[in-house]
Amino acid sequence: MARRDIWLLSDGRLWRVRGRLGGDRGQEVSYDFTHERSAQQMVDRMIKTSAGSWRDLTETVRQESSRRSE
């Protein structure tokens, strides 16, 4: 099974959903939204349509980011 990654990002104005299949050098797609709800719905669709189990790494990434900025 190939690795799959999904990110939900915002610059405060727009929301972007990025998806990648196959690790760092895999195929990537991105979708832009003006509303968080629409972006979250895309994330949910991407998760539902892909096989395997998912782990939410949001807190792990935040903690690592905090450590780097200290």
Protein backbone atom coordinates (compact mmCIF):
# COMPACT_ATOMS: atom_id res chain seq x y z
CA MET A 1 0.00 0.00 0.00
CA ALA A 2 1.35 3.43 -0.96
CA ARG A 3 1.63 6.27 1.49
CA ARG A 4 -1.04 8.96 1.26
CA ASP A 5 -0.86 12.42 2.79
CA ILE A 6 -3.51 15.13 3.10
CA TRP A 7 -2.97 18.67 4.36
CA LEU A 8 -5.51 21.36 5.20
CA LEU A 9 -3.83 24.77 5.08
CA SER A 10 -4.99 28.38 5.34
CA ASP A 11 -3.40 31.77 4.84
CA GLY A 12 -6.24 33.47 6.71
CA ARG A 13 -8.11 34.21 3.49
CA LEU A 14 -8.08 31.02 1.41
CA TRP A 15 -8.13 27.35 2.36
CA ARG A 16 -6.03 24.82 0.45
CA VAL A 17 -6.35 21.06 0.51
CA ARG A 18 -3.27 19.21 -0.69
CA GLY A 19 -3.17 15.50 -1.29
CA ARG A 20 -0.21 13.31 -2.18
CA LEU A 21 0.02 9.64 -3.09
CA GLY A 22 3.32 7.83 -2.91
CA GLY A 23 5.46 9.70 -0.39
CA ASP A 24 7.75 12.68 -0.98
CA ARG A 25 8.04 12.18 -4.74
CA GLY A 26 4.48 11.06 -5.29
CA GLN A 27 1.67 12.45 -7.36
CA GLU A 28 0.16 15.59 -5.81
CA VAL A 29 -3.14 17.43 -6.21
CA SER A 30 -4.34 20.66 -4.65
CA TYR A 31 -7.72 22.38 -4.31
CA ASP A 32 -8.44 25.94 -3.16
CA PHE A 33 -11.55 27.05 -1.26
CA THR A 34 -12.88 30.29 0.16
CA HIS A 35 -14.63 28.58 3.10
CA GLU A 36 -13.20 26.21 5.71
CA ARG A 37 -16.32 24.02 5.61
CA SER A 38 -15.90 23.32 1.89
CA ALA A 39 -12.22 22.53 2.38
CA GLN A 40 -12.98 20.16 5.27
CA GLN A 41 -15.60 18.39 3.14
CA MET A 42 -12.93 17.78 0.48
CA VAL A 43 -10.58 16.35 3.12
CA ASP A 44 -13.36 14.04 4.29
CA ARG A 45 -14.05 12.90 0.70
CA MET A 46 -10.36 12.23 0.08
CA ILE A 47 -10.11 10.13 3.23
CA LYS A 48 -13.27 8.15 2.42
CA THR A 49 -12.19 7.35 -1.13
CA SER A 50 -8.75 6.04 -0.21
CA ALA A 51 -8.03 2.63 1.21
CA GLY A 52 -6.32 1.95 4.50
CA SER A 53 -6.30 3.55 7.90
CA TRP A 54 -5.55 7.19 8.66
CA ARG A 55 -3.68 8.92 11.47
CA ASP A 56 -4.20 12.57 12.34
CA LEU A 57 -0.74 14.04 12.88
CA THR A 58 -1.85 17.61 13.56
CA GLU A 59 -0.69 17.70 17.19
CA THR A 60 2.58 15.95 16.36
CA VAL A 61 3.36 18.54 13.70
CA ARG A 62 2.41 21.42 16.02
CA GLN A 63 4.63 20.11 18.80
CA GLU A 64 7.58 19.69 16.43
CA SER A 65 7.05 23.20 15.07
CA SER A 66 6.98 24.61 18.63
CA ARG A 67 10.23 22.85 19.50
CA ARG A 68 11.94 24.29 16.43
CA SER A 69 10.88 27.86 17.20
CA GLU A 70 12.12 27.76 20.81
